[in-house]
């Protein structure tokens, strides 16, 4: 099977399976990073678990595994609580909170007997692995698919604006020139620039005249709340890609590669014009004039009450010249490296925006496991799956680097303190800090997933 194959399955359960596969892979690799450096420095690893075999963060509650097998000094297992994973490194204050082991004198094969720099690498191992995984996945993406984007000037028919875009004064057919005073170069960067830079104006070319469209307060919130990604799209003619079986489009005789040039006798050279007529015609007859094999054909049907005719149109790639860069093996690795760090910058920009934006509240954008699942498309493709898996790997690396006890970054702070002052942090202090950190993480997890539940009911 080729990498670009689209599997014949769709729906919310496909999103859930993709999320489970991506998180399981990334958690295993993250924990393997800790495991690798622990073994490299002669440290015993007592457990290596995907998911928790207890009710996180309470290590003494509901202790059981779905599967476990001991090999050498390490027990490998699958826990029942599917929100994370861990390695239990001998002689370390961690999620297991094994106080009895820490009460005994240090052994040579324990974490606490190792040099500070060795312990630092052990703690950073998971983060290092997540970064490497992201680089490798991006290198695969660039090696297989290359890198392409639509230059703004190549969107030769202008934009198709949704209701939010129209509400601020943008019109179908506008050509975007500038966003927030900066020249617009890549079409897919226009909306992120409006959101994250909170641009106050968009300059467009309309009917041969340059027009400045103000971006009023509340626009960014409306774009994010819509969650459709349709604020603006490249304007295209209507050429049919596929027709759903049993749909109104099939009943009226529409076929793939038909080019719709008029609806109800009105010329519709662009898809947005067809869409406007369709939305105003629920339950009413509709007539399409199409070009099929260089012949003009008239088709008649009825618009369903849900306004869904049941056909898909060809994507912008059919009509526009995209800039594309092909990569060989070596250059794909190099681009994977640079792109990973670009994505780190993008994620930092998103987090900063979340807490500094005047329009968007954190409670409206923070989400839990359901929100993560919805990032994946309802139809599986290797390209989308790999892209999102790489980005989630970056998120895991970033979040684990936060200086919160219980996360890798919390342990790193303690180690840096030890390296700088040449004094170990008291184990009781680390124990209490870890307990507080784990409870804080549990609270954040419940808060984020609780927001998802509230949104589902809404």
Protein backbone atom coordinates (compact mmCIF):
# COMPACT_ATOMS: atom_id res chain seq x y z
CA UNK A 1 0.00 0.00 0.00
CA UNK A 2 1.39 3.40 -0.95
CA UNK A 3 1.77 6.09 1.70
CA UNK A 4 -0.77 8.39 0.09
CA UNK A 5 -3.53 5.76 0.10
CA UNK A 6 -6.78 6.90 1.69
CA UNK A 7 -8.31 4.12 3.75
CA UNK A 8 -12.02 3.50 3.25
CA UNK A 9 -13.15 4.37 6.76
CA UNK A 10 -14.46 7.55 8.24
CA UNK A 11 -16.24 9.01 11.22
CA UNK A 12 -15.52 9.99 14.81
CA UNK A 13 -14.25 6.53 15.69
CA UNK A 14 -11.50 6.97 13.10
CA UNK A 15 -10.42 10.14 14.88
CA UNK A 16 -10.36 8.22 18.18
CA UNK A 17 -8.27 5.39 16.70
CA UNK A 18 -5.79 7.86 15.21
CA UNK A 19 -5.47 9.67 18.54
CA UNK A 20 -4.97 6.39 20.41
CA UNK A 21 -2.33 5.22 17.92
CA UNK A 22 -0.45 8.54 17.93
CA UNK A 23 -0.46 8.97 21.70
CA UNK A 24 0.47 5.34 22.36
CA UNK A 25 3.41 5.56 19.97
CA UNK A 26 4.61 8.90 21.34
CA UNK A 27 4.25 7.88 24.99
CA UNK A 28 6.18 4.66 24.38
CA UNK A 29 8.96 6.56 22.62
CA UNK A 30 9.02 9.28 25.29
CA UNK A 31 9.40 6.70 28.05
CA UNK A 32 11.98 4.83 25.95
CA UNK A 33 14.05 8.03 25.98
CA UNK A 34 14.21 7.89 29.79
CA UNK A 35 14.82 4.13 29.64
CA UNK A 36 17.68 4.49 27.13
CA UNK A 37 19.67 7.02 29.14
CA UNK A 38 18.99 5.19 32.41
CA UNK A 39 20.42 1.98 30.97
CA UNK A 40 23.26 3.91 29.30
CA UNK A 41 24.43 5.09 32.72
CA UNK A 42 23.92 1.73 34.44
CA UNK A 43 20.67 2.62 36.22
CA UNK A 44 18.11 -0.08 36.92
CA UNK A 45 14.64 0.44 35.42
CA UNK A 46 12.06 -1.50 37.45
CA UNK A 47 8.96 -0.76 35.31
CA UNK A 48 8.22 0.36 31.77
CA UNK A 49 4.50 1.00 31.30
CA UNK A 50 2.24 2.29 28.57
CA UNK A 51 -0.65 3.88 30.49
CA UNK A 52 -0.81 3.82 34.29
CA UNK A 53 -1.41 0.70 36.35
CA UNK A 54 -2.99 2.86 39.07
CA UNK A 55 -5.47 5.71 39.35
CA UNK A 56 -3.18 8.60 38.43
CA UNK A 57 -1.84 10.37 40.47
CA UNK A 58 -2.73 8.11 43.42
CA UNK A 59 -0.15 5.33 43.13
CA UNK A 60 -1.82 3.19 45.82
CA UNK A 61 -5.29 3.08 44.26
CA UNK A 62 -6.64 0.49 41.83
CA UNK A 63 -3.29 -1.16 41.13
CA UNK A 64 -3.62 -3.61 38.28
CA UNK A 65 -2.27 -4.19 34.78
CA UNK A 66 -3.95 -5.36 31.61
CA UNK A 67 -0.69 -7.07 30.67
CA UNK A 68 2.78 -7.40 32.16
CA UNK A 69 5.93 -9.41 31.60
CA UNK A 70 9.22 -9.29 33.48
CA UNK A 71 12.43 -9.45 31.46
CA UNK A 72 15.62 -9.15 33.47
CA UNK A 73 15.23 -6.38 36.05
CA UNK A 74 12.36 -4.66 34.23
CA UNK A 75 8.63 -5.35 34.20
CA UNK A 76 7.03 -4.25 30.93
CA UNK A 77 3.29 -3.68 31.08
CA UNK A 78 0.08 -2.13 29.81
CA UNK A 79 -1.86 -0.20 32.45
CA UNK A 80 -5.60 0.34 32.61
CA UNK A 81 -5.64 4.15 33.04
CA UNK A 82 -5.10 5.40 29.45
CA UNK A 83 -3.72 8.87 30.02
CA UNK A 84 0.04 8.61 29.92
CA UNK A 85 2.75 6.15 30.82
CA UNK A 86 5.87 5.92 32.93
CA UNK A 87 9.16 4.22 33.66
CA UNK A 88 9.97 3.47 37.30
CA UNK A 89 13.66 4.18 37.71
CA UNK A 90 15.24 2.71 40.82
CA UNK A 91 16.06 5.27 43.51
CA UNK A 92 14.03 8.14 42.06
CA UNK A 93 11.07 10.14 43.38
CA UNK A 94 8.46 9.65 40.65
CA UNK A 95 4.79 8.89 39.99
CA UNK A 96 4.99 5.63 41.96
CA UNK A 97 5.97 7.50 45.18
CA UNK A 98 7.86 4.41 46.42
CA UNK A 99 8.94 5.76 49.82
CA UNK A 100 10.20 2.43 51.17
CA UNK A 101 12.86 2.12 48.47
CA UNK A 102 13.99 5.71 49.06
CA UNK A 103 14.35 5.07 52.80
CA UNK A 104 17.12 2.54 52.19
CA UNK A 105 20.78 3.51 51.58
CA UNK A 106 21.52 4.31 47.91
CA UNK A 107 22.73 1.42 45.75
CA UNK A 108 25.27 1.88 42.91
CA UNK A 109 22.62 1.01 40.29
CA UNK A 110 20.12 3.60 41.57
CA UNK A 111 19.29 6.95 40.05
CA UNK A 112 20.26 8.85 43.21
CA UNK A 113 23.79 7.38 43.03
CA UNK A 114 24.46 8.79 39.59
CA UNK A 115 26.33 12.00 38.77
CA UNK A 116 24.19 15.13 38.27
CA UNK A 117 24.85 15.32 34.52
CA UNK A 118 23.85 11.67 34.13
CA UNK A 119 20.60 12.25 36.02
CA UNK A 120 19.98 15.34 33.86
CA UNK A 121 20.24 13.27 30.67
CA UNK A 122 17.98 10.59 32.15
CA UNK A 123 15.33 13.22 32.90
CA UNK A 124 15.68 14.95 29.53
CA UNK A 125 15.64 11.63 27.67
CA UNK A 126 11.90 11.67 27.00
CA UNK A 127 11.94 15.24 25.71
CA UNK A 128 14.99 14.53 23.53
CA UNK A 129 13.21 11.49 22.08
CA UNK A 130 10.04 13.48 21.30
CA UNK A 131 12.08 16.10 19.45
CA UNK A 132 13.96 13.43 17.47
CA UNK A 133 10.69 11.67 16.60
CA UNK A 134 9.20 14.94 15.30
CA UNK A 135 12.30 15.56 13.19
CA UNK A 136 12.19 12.04 11.73
CA UNK A 137 8.47 12.23 10.91
CA UNK A 138 8.82 15.64 9.29
CA UNK A 139 11.81 14.35 7.31
CA UNK A 140 9.63 11.46 6.06
CA UNK A 141 6.85 13.90 5.12
CA UNK A 142 9.21 16.17 3.17
CA UNK A 143 10.95 13.19 1.55
CA UNK A 144 7.68 11.58 0.37
CA UNK A 145 5.39 14.55 -0.32
CA UNK A 146 7.77 17.49 -0.55
CA UNK A 147 6.69 20.92 0.64
CA UNK A 148 4.17 23.03 -1.19
CA UNK A 149 2.13 26.15 -0.67
CA UNK A 150 -0.09 28.45 -2.70
CA UNK A 151 1.50 31.86 -3.31
CA UNK A 152 -1.12 34.55 -2.78
CA UNK A 153 -0.60 35.94 -6.29
CA UNK A 154 -1.39 32.51 -7.78
CA UNK A 155 -4.91 32.50 -6.32
CA UNK A 156 -5.99 34.07 -9.58
CA UNK A 157 -9.73 34.20 -8.80
CA UNK A 158 -9.27 35.92 -5.42
CA UNK A 159 -10.88 34.67 -2.23
CA UNK A 160 -14.10 32.98 -1.21
CA UNK A 161 -15.28 34.63 2.03
CA UNK A 162 -17.48 32.97 4.66
CA UNK A 163 -20.11 34.80 6.73
CA UNK A 164 -17.54 36.02 9.31
CA UNK A 165 -15.25 37.36 6.60
CA UNK A 166 -18.18 39.09 4.89
CA UNK A 167 -19.31 40.62 8.19
CA UNK A 168 -16.07 42.63 8.44
CA UNK A 169 -16.25 43.80 4.82
CA UNK A 170 -14.35 41.20 2.79
CA UNK A 171 -16.01 40.14 -0.46
CA UNK A 172 -15.83 37.14 -2.75
CA UNK A 173 -13.23 37.84 -5.43
CA UNK A 174 -11.06 40.14 -3.28
CA UNK A 175 -7.29 39.71 -3.74
CA UNK A 176 -5.43 39.85 -0.41
CA UNK A 177 -2.41 42.17 -0.56
CA UNK A 178 -1.48 42.84 3.07
CA UNK A 179 -2.39 41.61 6.55
CA UNK A 180 -1.69 43.99 9.42
CA UNK A 181 0.61 46.07 7.22
CA UNK A 182 2.77 43.09 6.16
CA UNK A 183 2.68 41.75 2.57
CA UNK A 184 0.69 38.52 2.20
CA UNK A 185 2.85 35.83 0.58
CA UNK A 186 1.48 32.37 1.42
CA UNK A 187 -2.28 31.87 1.23
CA UNK A 188 -2.36 29.40 4.12
CA UNK A 189 -0.59 31.92 6.38
CA UNK A 190 -3.21 34.67 5.97
CA UNK A 191 -5.65 33.46 8.62
CA UNK A 192 -2.95 32.56 11.21
CA UNK A 193 -1.46 36.03 10.70
CA UNK A 194 -4.87 37.62 11.32
CA UNK A 195 -5.36 35.53 14.49
CA UNK A 196 -1.96 35.44 16.17
CA UNK A 197 -0.85 38.94 15.22
CA UNK A 198 -4.37 40.26 15.87
CA UNK A 199 -4.12 42.32 12.68
CA UNK A 200 -6.23 45.48 12.68
CA UNK A 201 -6.59 45.77 8.90
CA UNK A 202 -6.49 43.76 5.67
CA UNK A 203 -5.58 45.46 2.40
CA UNK A 204 -7.25 44.00 -0.71
CA UNK A 205 -7.49 44.64 -4.43
CA UNK A 206 -11.17 44.90 -5.41
CA UNK A 207 -12.38 45.74 -8.91
CA UNK A 208 -9.03 47.33 -9.71
CA UNK A 209 -9.06 49.50 -6.56
CA UNK A 210 -7.02 49.05 -3.38
CA UNK A 211 -9.36 48.86 -0.37
CA UNK A 212 -8.45 48.69 3.32
CA UNK A 213 -10.80 46.47 5.35
CA UNK A 214 -10.65 47.13 9.12
CA UNK A 215 -10.63 44.06 11.38
CA UNK A 216 -12.95 44.98 14.27
CA UNK A 217 -12.71 43.65 17.81
CA UNK A 218 -14.29 40.24 18.15
CA UNK A 219 -13.22 38.98 14.71
CA UNK A 220 -10.50 36.67 16.02
CA UNK A 221 -12.91 35.19 18.55
CA UNK A 222 -15.48 34.58 15.79
CA UNK A 223 -12.89 32.89 13.53
CA UNK A 224 -11.75 30.53 16.30
CA UNK A 225 -15.27 29.82 17.53
CA UNK A 226 -16.40 28.82 14.02
CA UNK A 227 -13.74 26.05 13.99
CA UNK A 228 -14.38 25.42 10.29
CA UNK A 229 -11.23 26.88 8.75
CA UNK A 230 -13.34 28.60 6.10
CA UNK A 231 -12.84 32.29 6.96
CA UNK A 232 -11.30 32.66 3.52
CA UNK A 233 -10.49 30.06 0.88
CA UNK A 234 -9.08 30.34 -2.64
CA UNK A 235 -11.99 31.07 -4.98
CA UNK A 236 -12.43 28.32 -7.55
CA UNK A 237 -14.74 27.27 -10.39
CA UNK A 238 -17.15 24.42 -9.62
CA UNK A 239 -15.80 21.21 -11.10
CA UNK A 240 -17.19 18.01 -9.58
CA UNK A 241 -14.71 15.59 -7.97
CA UNK A 242 -17.14 12.95 -6.66
CA UNK A 243 -20.87 12.35 -6.20
CA UNK A 244 -22.30 10.53 -3.18
CA UNK A 245 -24.50 7.52 -3.83
CA UNK A 246 -28.20 8.16 -3.25
CA UNK A 247 -27.64 11.91 -2.96
CA UNK A 248 -29.70 14.67 -4.55
CA UNK A 249 -26.74 15.36 -6.86
CA UNK A 250 -26.76 11.75 -8.12
CA UNK A 251 -30.53 11.81 -8.61
CA UNK A 252 -30.28 14.93 -10.77
CA UNK A 253 -27.58 13.26 -12.88
CA UNK A 254 -24.45 15.13 -11.78
CA UNK A 255 -21.23 13.26 -12.60
CA UNK A 256 -17.51 13.58 -11.76
CA UNK A 257 -15.68 16.16 -13.89
CA UNK A 258 -18.90 18.07 -14.66
CA UNK A 259 -18.23 21.81 -14.69
CA UNK A 260 -21.18 23.81 -13.34
CA UNK A 261 -21.47 27.08 -15.26
CA UNK A 262 -25.00 28.23 -14.30
CA UNK A 263 -27.66 27.56 -11.66
CA UNK A 264 -31.33 28.38 -12.28
CA UNK A 265 -30.26 30.29 -15.37
CA UNK A 266 -27.83 32.53 -13.46
CA UNK A 267 -24.16 32.33 -14.48
CA UNK A 268 -22.09 30.77 -11.69
CA UNK A 269 -18.45 30.69 -12.81
CA UNK A 270 -17.36 30.27 -9.17
CA UNK A 271 -18.38 27.86 -6.42
CA UNK A 272 -19.39 30.58 -3.94
CA UNK A 273 -22.09 31.77 -6.40
CA UNK A 274 -23.53 28.25 -6.61
CA UNK A 275 -23.39 27.97 -2.81
CA UNK A 276 -25.34 31.22 -2.31
CA UNK A 277 -28.16 30.04 -4.59
CA UNK A 278 -28.25 26.58 -3.03
CA UNK A 279 -28.48 27.93 0.54
CA UNK A 280 -31.48 30.04 -0.45
CA UNK A 281 -33.25 27.12 -2.16
CA UNK A 282 -33.91 24.53 0.56
CA UNK A 283 -36.83 22.32 -0.51
CA UNK A 284 -37.06 24.03 -3.91
CA UNK A 285 -36.33 22.85 -7.45
CA UNK A 286 -32.88 23.65 -8.80
CA UNK A 287 -31.46 23.50 -12.33
CA UNK A 288 -27.77 23.07 -13.16
CA UNK A 289 -26.17 23.92 -16.48
CA UNK A 290 -22.99 21.88 -16.79
CA UNK A 291 -20.27 21.30 -19.34
CA UNK A 292 -19.64 17.59 -19.81
CA UNK A 293 -17.18 16.34 -22.42
CA UNK A 294 -17.38 19.73 -24.17
CA UNK A 295 -21.17 19.47 -24.34
CA UNK A 296 -23.66 21.69 -22.45
CA UNK A 297 -26.07 19.57 -20.38
CA UNK A 298 -29.11 20.68 -18.37
CA UNK A 299 -29.81 18.88 -15.07
CA UNK A 300 -32.82 19.28 -12.78
CA UNK A 301 -33.39 18.29 -9.18
CA UNK A 302 -34.51 19.46 -5.73
CA UNK A 303 -32.42 20.92 -2.92
CA UNK A 304 -32.91 18.85 0.28
CA UNK A 305 -34.06 20.59 3.45
CA UNK A 306 -30.58 20.11 4.93
CA UNK A 307 -29.20 21.95 1.84
CA UNK A 308 -26.68 19.16 1.16
CA UNK A 309 -26.66 18.18 -2.51
CA UNK A 310 -24.06 15.48 -1.96
CA UNK A 311 -21.13 16.21 -4.25
CA UNK A 312 -17.53 17.18 -3.68
CA UNK A 313 -15.72 19.74 -5.76
CA UNK A 314 -12.16 19.63 -6.99
CA UNK A 315 -9.60 21.20 -4.67
CA UNK A 316 -7.59 24.37 -5.41
CA UNK A 317 -4.60 22.24 -6.49
CA UNK A 318 -6.56 21.50 -9.68
CA UNK A 319 -6.70 25.15 -10.71
CA UNK A 320 -3.62 26.90 -9.31
CA UNK A 321 0.15 26.64 -9.58
CA UNK A 322 1.53 25.72 -6.17
CA UNK A 323 5.16 26.31 -5.29
CA UNK A 324 6.63 22.92 -4.44
CA UNK A 325 10.05 21.92 -3.17
CA UNK A 326 11.20 18.34 -3.65
CA UNK A 327 13.70 16.89 -1.15
CA UNK A 328 16.21 14.08 -1.45
CA UNK A 329 17.18 11.94 1.55
CA UNK A 330 19.77 14.35 2.95
CA UNK A 331 17.85 17.57 2.34
CA UNK A 332 14.66 16.03 3.82
CA UNK A 333 16.54 15.35 7.06
CA UNK A 334 17.82 18.92 7.12
CA UNK A 335 14.36 20.36 6.45
CA UNK A 336 12.88 18.05 9.09
CA UNK A 337 15.33 19.54 11.60
CA UNK A 338 14.62 23.19 10.75
CA UNK A 339 10.86 22.67 10.44
CA UNK A 340 10.69 21.05 13.90
CA UNK A 341 12.17 24.18 15.48
CA UNK A 342 9.81 26.36 13.43
CA UNK A 343 6.91 24.36 14.86
CA UNK A 344 8.24 24.85 18.39
CA UNK A 345 8.12 28.59 17.69
CA UNK A 346 4.59 28.30 16.30
CA UNK A 347 3.39 26.40 19.37
CA UNK A 348 4.96 28.95 21.69
CA UNK A 349 3.22 31.68 19.71
CA UNK A 350 -0.10 29.88 20.14
CA UNK A 351 0.37 29.45 23.90
CA UNK A 352 1.40 33.07 24.30
CA UNK A 353 -1.63 34.16 22.28
CA UNK A 354 -3.89 32.02 24.45
CA UNK A 355 -2.91 33.91 27.60
CA UNK A 356 -2.32 37.39 26.19
CA UNK A 357 -5.10 37.82 23.63
CA UNK A 358 -7.70 40.46 24.44
CA UNK A 359 -10.39 38.49 22.61
CA UNK A 360 -9.87 34.82 23.38
CA UNK A 361 -10.22 33.31 26.86
CA UNK A 362 -8.20 30.24 27.80
CA UNK A 363 -11.40 28.48 28.86
CA UNK A 364 -12.69 28.81 25.28
CA UNK A 365 -9.61 27.27 23.68
CA UNK A 366 -8.17 24.82 26.21
CA UNK A 367 -9.34 21.26 25.67
CA UNK A 368 -8.69 17.68 26.72
CA UNK A 369 -8.72 14.32 25.05
CA UNK A 370 -11.81 15.07 22.92
CA UNK A 371 -10.25 18.27 21.55
CA UNK A 372 -7.08 16.37 20.69
CA UNK A 373 -9.14 13.74 18.88
CA UNK A 374 -10.91 16.37 16.81
CA UNK A 375 -7.56 17.56 15.46
CA UNK A 376 -7.48 14.42 13.32
CA UNK A 377 -9.56 14.26 10.13
CA UNK A 378 -12.58 11.94 10.00
CA UNK A 379 -11.04 10.17 7.03
CA UNK A 380 -7.63 8.58 7.51
CA UNK A 381 -4.69 9.63 5.34
CA UNK A 382 -1.04 8.97 6.09
CA UNK A 383 -0.11 12.59 5.36
CA UNK A 384 -2.51 14.08 7.92
CA UNK A 385 -1.79 11.37 10.51
CA UNK A 386 1.97 11.87 10.30
CA UNK A 387 1.69 15.65 10.38
CA UNK A 388 -0.46 15.63 13.51
CA UNK A 389 1.62 12.93 15.21
CA UNK A 390 4.76 15.01 14.70
CA UNK A 391 3.07 18.13 16.04
CA UNK A 392 1.71 16.29 19.10
CA UNK A 393 5.25 15.02 19.71
CA UNK A 394 6.38 18.65 19.80
CA UNK A 395 3.54 19.49 22.21
CA UNK A 396 4.56 16.61 24.51
CA UNK A 397 8.19 17.76 24.48
CA UNK A 398 7.18 21.35 25.19
CA UNK A 399 4.73 20.51 27.97
CA UNK A 400 7.12 18.08 29.67
CA UNK A 401 9.75 20.80 29.74
CA UNK A 402 7.52 23.02 31.89
CA UNK A 403 9.04 23.49 35.40
CA UNK A 404 6.21 21.67 37.20
CA UNK A 405 7.15 18.96 39.75
CA UNK A 406 5.92 15.64 38.42
CA UNK A 407 6.86 16.62 34.87
CA UNK A 408 10.36 16.18 33.47
CA UNK A 409 10.93 19.93 33.62
CA UNK A 410 10.30 19.93 37.37
CA UNK A 411 13.05 17.37 37.94
CA UNK A 412 15.35 19.31 35.63
CA UNK A 413 14.91 22.42 37.80
CA UNK A 414 15.96 20.45 40.89
CA UNK A 415 18.99 19.07 39.04
CA UNK A 416 20.05 22.48 37.75
CA UNK A 417 19.84 23.77 41.31
CA UNK A 418 22.10 20.90 42.43
CA UNK A 419 24.58 21.48 39.61
CA UNK A 420 24.78 25.23 40.33
CA UNK A 421 24.88 25.05 44.16
CA UNK A 422 26.58 21.63 44.42
CA UNK A 423 23.94 20.66 46.98
CA UNK A 424 21.27 18.04 46.50
CA UNK A 425 17.66 19.01 47.05
CA UNK A 426 16.31 17.22 50.11
CA UNK A 427 14.39 14.09 49.12
CA UNK A 428 11.49 15.06 51.39
CA UNK A 429 11.25 18.40 49.60
CA UNK A 430 11.23 16.59 46.24
CA UNK A 431 8.62 14.14 47.53
CA UNK A 432 6.25 16.89 48.70
CA UNK A 433 6.85 18.99 45.55
CA UNK A 434 6.15 15.95 43.35
CA UNK A 435 2.92 15.23 45.23
CA UNK A 436 1.76 18.84 44.79
CA UNK A 437 2.79 18.77 41.12
CA UNK A 438 0.92 15.54 40.42
CA UNK A 439 -2.23 16.84 42.08
CA UNK A 440 -1.91 20.06 40.06
CA UNK A 441 -1.56 18.02 36.86
CA UNK A 442 -4.63 16.00 37.82
CA UNK A 443 -6.56 19.23 38.37
CA UNK A 444 -5.49 20.61 34.99
CA UNK A 445 -6.41 17.32 33.33
CA UNK A 446 -9.87 17.30 34.94
CA UNK A 447 -10.37 20.98 34.02
CA UNK A 448 -9.40 20.51 30.35
CA UNK A 449 -11.48 17.35 29.91
CA UNK A 450 -14.36 18.92 31.84
CA UNK A 451 -14.41 21.76 29.30
CA UNK A 452 -14.69 19.15 26.55
CA UNK A 453 -17.67 17.55 28.31
CA UNK A 454 -19.40 20.93 28.69
CA UNK A 455 -18.83 21.67 24.98
CA UNK A 456 -20.32 18.29 24.01
CA UNK A 457 -23.49 19.03 25.95
CA UNK A 458 -23.69 22.51 24.41
